[in-house]
Amino acid sequence: MSEVLKLEKIEKVYNRGEPGEVSVLKGAEIAIEPGEVVAMVAPSGAGKSTLLHIAGLLDTPSSGRVFIGGEDVTELGDRRRTALRRSRIGFIYQFHHLLPEFSAVENIILPQLANGAGQTEARERAEMLLDRVGVAHRADHRPAELSGGEQQRVAFCRALANAPDLLLADEPTGNLDPDTSDRVFGALMELVRDTGLSALIATHNIALANRMDRVVALDAGVVTLGK
């Protein structure tokens, strides 16, 4: 079976050929197997967000190849990249980025409608996901009415709304206090395990990283085995 995600010799250079040229990734490589949850630890400025954006088809590498489910997607056009992101990749960021004018359940329904789901089907899945992370009772509340931990749980559900193969998360509990972070991360891991997702999760938290299947480090623009 093909890797869910494979990055080969990824380089990313900003302002290439100019005096202010900055090389962020220098041959970074990683492969994520089906059902595998990998932690990526890196200091600030190491390029983890850039690597995640390239893996999630939000950015393109200066050189190297990106494979999703065995398919080389490096040079796909914008329309195909958008369709692939929508159907096969879920994103979670440090800040929840929920739409403030919509309720929790509506924030999870909307990406499903954009992907062609019917209203009834989308609501049922949204309510199921909220129940799985323990916030079904807050389904009709808007983000401003939710705690930080509740907001991030809703963001998890939104990322999984279209049943992706791959979850990419950038410091998903970084804005939460330690106790809340631990509980919210536990909810995320339970959801990931139950759905059989593959995931690449960037975190500074070594304790959380050690709860995943494998730990890698991003240092000096390359991916190495975690310590």
Protein backbone atom coordinates (compact mmCIF):
# COMPACT_ATOMS: atom_id res chain seq x y z
CA MET A 1 0.00 0.00 0.00
CA SER A 2 1.30 3.45 -0.91
CA GLU A 3 2.27 5.98 1.71
CA VAL A 4 -0.49 8.46 2.46
CA LEU A 5 2.11 11.25 2.27
CA LYS A 6 5.60 11.21 0.85
CA LEU A 7 7.91 14.19 0.48
CA GLU A 8 11.07 13.69 -1.56
CA LYS A 9 14.06 16.06 -1.38
CA ILE A 10 11.94 19.10 -0.66
CA GLU A 11 13.70 22.43 -0.93
CA LYS A 12 12.11 25.82 -0.37
CA VAL A 13 14.00 28.99 -1.16
CA TYR A 14 12.48 32.45 -0.84
CA ASN A 15 13.80 35.31 -3.01
CA ARG A 16 15.84 32.83 -5.03
CA GLY A 17 18.79 34.47 -6.73
CA GLU A 18 18.31 37.75 -4.92
CA PRO A 19 20.50 39.32 -2.19
CA GLY A 20 17.95 38.43 0.47
CA GLU A 21 17.66 34.76 -0.54
CA VAL A 22 16.51 32.53 2.33
CA SER A 23 16.74 28.74 2.19
CA VAL A 24 14.19 27.22 4.58
CA LEU A 25 13.99 23.56 3.56
CA LYS A 26 17.10 21.80 2.28
CA GLY A 27 16.17 18.37 1.00
CA ALA A 28 13.53 17.51 3.62
CA GLU A 29 12.05 14.02 3.27
CA ILE A 30 9.34 12.17 5.13
CA ALA A 31 6.86 9.35 4.49
CA ILE A 32 3.65 8.73 6.44
CA GLU A 33 2.14 5.25 6.31
CA PRO A 34 -1.62 4.55 6.41
CA GLY A 35 -2.90 4.92 9.97
CA GLU A 36 0.41 6.30 11.24
CA VAL A 37 0.53 9.36 13.51
CA VAL A 38 3.86 11.18 13.37
CA ALA A 39 5.00 14.03 15.60
CA MET A 40 7.32 16.65 14.15
CA VAL A 41 9.26 18.70 16.68
CA ALA A 42 11.16 21.79 15.63
CA PRO A 43 12.27 25.10 17.08
CA SER A 44 10.54 28.29 15.96
CA GLY A 45 11.69 29.37 12.53
CA ALA A 46 12.86 25.90 11.50
CA GLY A 47 10.37 25.72 8.64
CA LYS A 48 7.73 23.36 10.05
CA SER A 49 4.83 25.53 8.88
CA THR A 50 6.41 25.75 5.42
CA LEU A 51 6.80 21.97 5.28
CA LEU A 52 3.18 21.45 6.38
CA HIS A 53 1.94 23.95 3.78
CA ILE A 54 3.85 22.12 1.05
CA ALA A 55 2.55 18.75 2.27
CA GLY A 56 -0.98 20.15 2.27
CA LEU A 57 -0.68 21.67 -1.22
CA LEU A 58 -1.00 25.22 0.11
CA ASP A 59 2.49 26.03 -1.16
CA THR A 60 4.84 24.61 -3.78
CA PRO A 61 8.44 23.51 -3.24
CA SER A 62 11.32 25.16 -5.05
CA SER A 63 12.39 21.61 -5.92
CA GLY A 64 11.49 18.08 -4.87
CA ARG A 65 8.31 16.00 -5.19
CA VAL A 66 5.09 15.65 -3.19
CA PHE A 67 3.11 12.40 -3.32
CA ILE A 68 -0.40 11.93 -1.88
CA GLY A 69 -1.59 8.33 -1.84
CA GLY A 70 1.17 7.39 -4.28
CA GLU A 71 0.19 10.10 -6.80
CA ASP A 72 2.74 12.75 -7.72
CA VAL A 73 0.82 15.97 -7.05
CA THR A 74 3.75 18.39 -7.21
CA GLU A 75 2.71 20.08 -10.43
CA LEU A 76 -1.06 19.88 -10.30
CA GLY A 77 -3.03 22.96 -11.34
CA ASP A 78 -4.83 25.11 -8.79
CA ARG A 79 -8.26 23.58 -9.39
CA ARG A 80 -7.05 20.01 -8.90
CA ARG A 81 -4.99 20.99 -5.85
CA THR A 82 -8.03 22.63 -4.29
CA ALA A 83 -10.19 19.58 -4.94
CA LEU A 84 -7.55 17.28 -3.46
CA ARG A 85 -7.19 19.43 -0.33
CA ARG A 86 -10.93 19.55 0.13
CA SER A 87 -11.48 15.80 -0.13
CA ARG A 88 -8.30 14.18 1.20
CA ILE A 89 -6.51 16.55 3.58
CA GLY A 90 -7.61 18.02 6.90
CA PHE A 91 -5.89 21.00 8.51
CA ILE A 92 -5.68 22.12 12.14
CA TYR A 93 -3.86 25.26 13.20
CA GLN A 94 -2.77 26.70 16.52
CA PHE A 95 -5.69 29.13 16.38
CA HIS A 96 -9.05 27.59 15.56
CA HIS A 97 -10.03 29.94 12.67
CA LEU A 98 -13.72 29.11 13.08
CA LEU A 99 -16.17 31.35 11.24
CA PRO A 100 -17.53 33.61 14.01
CA GLU A 101 -20.97 34.20 12.49
CA PHE A 102 -21.79 30.48 12.34
CA SER A 103 -22.50 27.98 15.11
CA ALA A 104 -20.20 25.08 15.95
CA VAL A 105 -22.26 22.59 13.97
CA GLU A 106 -22.54 24.98 11.01
CA ASN A 107 -18.75 25.37 10.92
CA ILE A 108 -18.53 21.61 10.36
CA ILE A 109 -21.44 21.45 7.91
CA LEU A 110 -20.09 24.12 5.56
CA PRO A 111 -16.98 22.29 4.27
CA GLN A 112 -19.11 19.23 3.62
CA LEU A 113 -21.59 21.23 1.53
CA ALA A 114 -18.66 22.70 -0.42
CA ASN A 115 -17.55 19.13 -1.13
CA GLY A 116 -20.96 18.11 -2.49
CA ALA A 117 -22.64 16.56 0.58
CA GLY A 118 -26.36 17.00 1.18
CA GLN A 119 -27.63 19.13 4.07
CA THR A 120 -29.05 16.21 6.09
CA GLU A 121 -25.97 14.03 5.61
CA ALA A 122 -23.67 16.92 6.51
CA ARG A 123 -25.56 17.76 9.70
CA GLU A 124 -25.62 14.14 10.82
CA ARG A 125 -21.86 13.80 10.36
CA ALA A 126 -21.21 17.13 12.08
CA GLU A 127 -23.29 16.15 15.09
CA MET A 128 -21.60 12.74 15.24
CA LEU A 129 -18.14 14.33 15.25
CA LEU A 130 -19.09 16.84 17.94
CA ASP A 131 -20.42 14.01 20.06
CA ARG A 132 -17.16 12.07 19.62
CA VAL A 133 -15.14 14.94 21.10
CA GLY A 134 -17.60 15.68 23.89
CA VAL A 135 -19.07 18.99 22.76
CA ALA A 136 -22.37 17.94 21.17
CA HIS A 137 -24.20 19.98 23.80
CA ARG A 138 -22.52 23.12 22.41
CA ALA A 139 -23.49 22.46 18.77
CA ASP A 140 -25.65 25.57 18.39
CA HIS A 141 -23.24 27.97 20.11
CA ARG A 142 -21.09 30.37 18.16
CA PRO A 143 -17.29 30.33 18.64
CA ALA A 144 -17.31 33.39 20.93
CA GLU A 145 -19.57 31.46 23.32
CA LEU A 146 -17.16 28.51 23.56
CA SER A 147 -14.08 28.03 25.71
CA GLY A 148 -10.67 27.76 24.06
CA GLY A 149 -10.67 24.00 24.45
CA GLU A 150 -14.17 23.72 23.00
CA GLN A 151 -13.25 25.92 20.04
CA GLN A 152 -10.28 23.73 19.22
CA ARG A 153 -12.36 20.55 19.47
CA VAL A 154 -14.78 22.04 16.96
CA ALA A 155 -11.78 22.86 14.73
CA PHE A 156 -10.74 19.20 14.95
CA CYS A 157 -14.20 18.15 13.82
CA ARG A 158 -14.15 20.61 10.94
CA ALA A 159 -10.78 19.20 9.80
CA LEU A 160 -12.31 15.72 9.72
CA ALA A 161 -15.63 16.80 8.21
CA ASN A 162 -14.90 15.40 4.74
CA ALA A 163 -13.31 12.17 6.02
CA PRO A 164 -9.77 12.94 4.77
CA ASP A 165 -6.95 10.42 4.49
CA LEU A 166 -4.37 12.79 5.95
CA LEU A 167 -4.46 15.23 8.85
CA LEU A 168 -1.88 18.02 9.07
CA ALA A 169 -1.72 19.93 12.36
CA ASP A 170 0.47 22.89 13.28
CA GLU A 171 0.77 23.24 17.08
CA PRO A 172 -2.90 22.23 17.52
CA THR A 173 -2.89 22.79 21.29
CA GLY A 174 -0.32 25.58 21.41
CA ASN A 175 -2.82 28.23 22.57
CA LEU A 176 -4.17 26.18 25.46
CA ASP A 177 -3.06 25.85 29.07
CA PRO A 178 -1.32 22.55 29.97
CA ASP A 179 -4.34 20.82 31.51
CA THR A 180 -6.69 21.81 28.70
CA SER A 181 -4.02 20.95 26.14
CA ASP A 182 -3.70 17.44 27.52
CA ARG A 183 -7.47 16.84 27.47
CA VAL A 184 -7.98 18.32 24.02
CA PHE A 185 -5.04 16.41 22.57
CA GLY A 186 -6.46 13.22 24.05
CA ALA A 187 -9.76 13.90 22.26
CA LEU A 188 -7.91 14.50 19.01
CA MET A 189 -5.90 11.29 19.27
CA GLU A 190 -8.99 9.26 20.06
CA LEU A 191 -10.74 10.69 17.01
CA VAL A 192 -7.71 10.06 14.78
CA ARG A 193 -7.32 6.47 15.99
CA ASP A 194 -11.01 5.69 15.63
CA THR A 195 -11.12 6.97 12.06
CA GLY A 196 -7.85 5.36 10.94
CA LEU A 197 -6.37 8.66 9.83
CA SER A 198 -2.74 9.27 9.06
CA ALA A 199 -1.42 12.44 10.66
CA LEU A 200 1.61 14.69 10.76
CA ILE A 201 1.43 16.87 13.85
CA ALA A 202 3.93 19.64 14.57
CA THR A 203 4.38 20.38 18.26
CA HIS A 204 6.81 21.85 20.76
CA ASN A 205 5.36 19.62 23.47
CA ILE A 206 7.63 16.58 23.86
CA ALA A 207 5.20 14.84 26.19
CA LEU A 208 2.48 15.03 23.54
CA ALA A 209 4.92 14.03 20.80
CA ASN A 210 5.83 10.87 22.70
CA ARG A 211 2.18 9.77 22.64
CA MET A 212 2.33 9.40 18.86
CA ASP A 213 3.68 6.49 16.81
CA ARG A 214 6.90 8.17 15.77
CA VAL A 215 8.79 11.39 16.43
CA VAL A 216 10.86 13.20 13.83
CA ALA A 217 12.72 16.49 14.09
CA LEU A 218 13.08 19.30 11.58
CA ASP A 219 16.48 20.88 11.94
CA ALA A 220 18.58 22.93 9.52
CA GLY A 221 16.05 22.32 6.78
CA VAL A 222 16.07 18.51 6.92
CA VAL A 223 13.96 15.89 8.70
CA THR A 224 15.82 13.63 11.12
CA LEU A 225 14.89 11.01 13.68
CA GLY A 226 13.48 12.54 16.84
CA LYS A 227 15.38 12.36 20.08
